[in-house]
Protein backbone atom coordinates (compact mmCIF):
# COMPACT_ATOMS: atom_id res chain seq x y z
CA UNK A 1 61.19 110.12 97.79
CA UNK A 2 59.61 113.46 97.00
CA UNK A 3 61.82 116.52 97.38
CA UNK A 4 60.50 119.84 98.31
CA UNK A 5 62.46 122.91 97.52
CA UNK A 6 61.62 126.28 99.15
CA UNK A 7 62.78 129.70 97.79
CA UNK A 8 62.00 133.37 98.08
CA UNK A 9 63.34 134.02 101.63
CA UNK A 10 65.34 137.08 102.45
CA UNK A 11 65.58 140.10 104.60
CA UNK A 12 62.93 142.73 104.74
CA UNK A 13 61.93 145.67 106.87
CA UNK A 14 58.89 145.76 109.29
CA UNK A 15 55.75 146.16 107.11
CA UNK A 16 57.34 144.56 104.07
CA UNK A 17 56.26 141.56 101.97
CA UNK A 18 57.82 138.31 100.66
CA UNK A 19 56.44 135.35 98.80
CA UNK A 20 57.96 132.05 99.45
CA UNK A 21 57.59 129.17 96.88
CA UNK A 22 57.82 125.43 97.49
CA UNK A 23 58.33 123.24 94.44
CA UNK A 24 57.83 119.59 94.56
CA UNK A 25 60.04 117.15 92.54
CA UNK A 26 57.02 114.87 91.85
CA UNK A 27 53.34 115.22 91.28
CA UNK A 28 51.31 116.35 94.31
CA UNK A 29 48.49 113.88 94.61
CA UNK A 30 44.97 115.41 95.01
CA UNK A 31 44.63 114.00 98.52
CA UNK A 32 47.74 115.72 99.82
CA UNK A 33 48.00 118.51 102.22
CA UNK A 34 50.77 121.08 101.91
CA UNK A 35 51.79 123.00 104.81
CA UNK A 36 54.16 125.88 105.78
CA UNK A 37 55.77 125.80 109.14
CA UNK A 38 58.47 128.04 110.72
CA UNK A 39 61.12 127.72 113.41
CA UNK A 40 62.65 130.67 115.10
CA UNK A 41 66.01 130.32 116.98
CA UNK A 42 65.49 128.52 120.20
CA UNK A 43 61.92 127.71 119.62
CA UNK A 44 60.05 124.72 118.33
CA UNK A 45 58.82 124.50 114.75
CA UNK A 46 55.39 125.87 114.54
CA UNK A 47 52.33 125.70 112.14
CA UNK A 48 51.88 128.64 109.85
CA UNK A 49 49.39 127.63 107.06
CA UNK A 50 48.14 124.64 105.07
CA UNK A 51 46.16 123.92 102.10
CA UNK A 52 44.32 120.77 100.84
CA UNK A 53 45.46 120.14 97.37
CA UNK A 54 42.26 119.00 95.71
CA UNK A 55 39.89 121.45 97.36
CA UNK A 56 42.16 124.45 98.03
CA UNK A 57 40.76 124.53 101.65
CA UNK A 58 43.21 126.42 103.80
CA UNK A 59 43.87 127.11 107.40
CA UNK A 60 46.23 129.56 109.21
CA UNK A 61 47.90 130.09 112.48
CA UNK A 62 46.16 132.92 114.48
CA UNK A 63 49.49 134.85 114.32
CA UNK A 64 49.42 135.16 110.59
CA UNK A 65 45.73 135.29 109.82
CA UNK A 66 44.90 138.31 107.65
CA UNK A 67 48.59 138.80 106.75
CA UNK A 68 49.64 135.55 105.02
CA UNK A 69 48.02 133.67 102.19
CA UNK A 70 48.66 130.31 100.98
CA UNK A 71 48.02 129.25 97.45
CA UNK A 72 48.94 126.62 94.87
CA UNK A 73 49.43 126.06 91.23
CA UNK A 74 48.56 122.46 90.71
CA UNK A 75 49.95 122.17 87.21
CA UNK A 76 53.42 123.35 88.61
CA UNK A 77 53.18 121.18 91.78
CA UNK A 78 54.17 124.48 93.57
CA UNK A 79 52.70 125.93 96.71
CA UNK A 80 53.27 129.61 97.75
CA UNK A 81 53.12 131.71 100.86
CA UNK A 82 52.42 135.31 100.37
CA UNK A 83 53.47 137.16 103.49
CA UNK A 84 52.50 140.80 104.05
CA UNK A 85 52.90 143.27 106.87
CA UNK A 86 55.78 141.35 108.31
CA UNK A 87 57.19 141.98 111.57
CA UNK A 88 60.16 140.92 113.58
CA UNK A 89 58.19 138.16 115.17
CA UNK A 90 57.90 136.49 111.79
CA UNK A 91 61.71 136.09 111.59
CA UNK A 92 62.45 132.30 111.27
CA UNK A 93 63.34 129.48 108.84
CA UNK A 94 60.27 128.62 106.94
CA UNK A 95 59.70 125.05 105.81
CA UNK A 96 57.08 123.56 103.46
CA UNK A 97 55.86 120.04 104.05
CA UNK A 98 53.64 117.37 102.62
CA UNK A 99 51.24 115.20 104.45
CA UNK A 100 47.88 113.50 104.10
CA UNK A 101 45.98 114.70 107.23
CA UNK A 102 44.50 118.25 107.43
CA UNK A 103 46.57 118.82 110.35
CA UNK A 104 48.55 121.59 112.05
CA UNK A 105 50.95 119.11 113.80
CA UNK A 106 54.39 118.74 112.51
CA UNK A 107 54.56 114.96 113.01
CA UNK A 108 51.55 114.53 110.55
CA UNK A 109 53.80 115.57 107.69
CA UNK A 110 56.28 113.21 106.21
CA UNK A 111 58.17 115.10 103.56
CA UNK A 112 60.05 118.40 104.31
CA UNK A 113 62.01 120.97 102.52
CA UNK A 114 65.38 122.19 103.58
CA UNK A 115 63.99 125.56 104.62
CA UNK A 116 64.38 129.18 103.64
CA UNK A 117 65.34 131.96 106.04
CA UNK A 118 63.07 134.94 106.55
CA UNK A 119 64.44 137.87 108.45
CA UNK A 120 62.43 140.94 109.32
CA UNK A 121 64.20 144.01 110.75
CA UNK A 122 62.73 146.69 112.92
């Protein structure tokens, strides 16, 4: 069973930046899709960004386009989420996940990390 470990969360002020990391305990196969999702208190988990491991093709939620960038280092089996120009609406627990389908749907991902808290103060 693959383990995904997120890190890099924290507290920042509006307009600040953070970079989240997600390290996989085992090799990420080329056919995999790695996604970032987030869940704010009282809300459902929502898609943030994803990347196809072999092509690097990515997709973003409209709410983060132009502010967040997903990237990967294949040799390190690690995926990153660079978050710029953060605002209080970005406050949530951020999760990385692994799946096969190029999908924004949480149920299409079968391995999840434990999450890392991001808090943006106004």
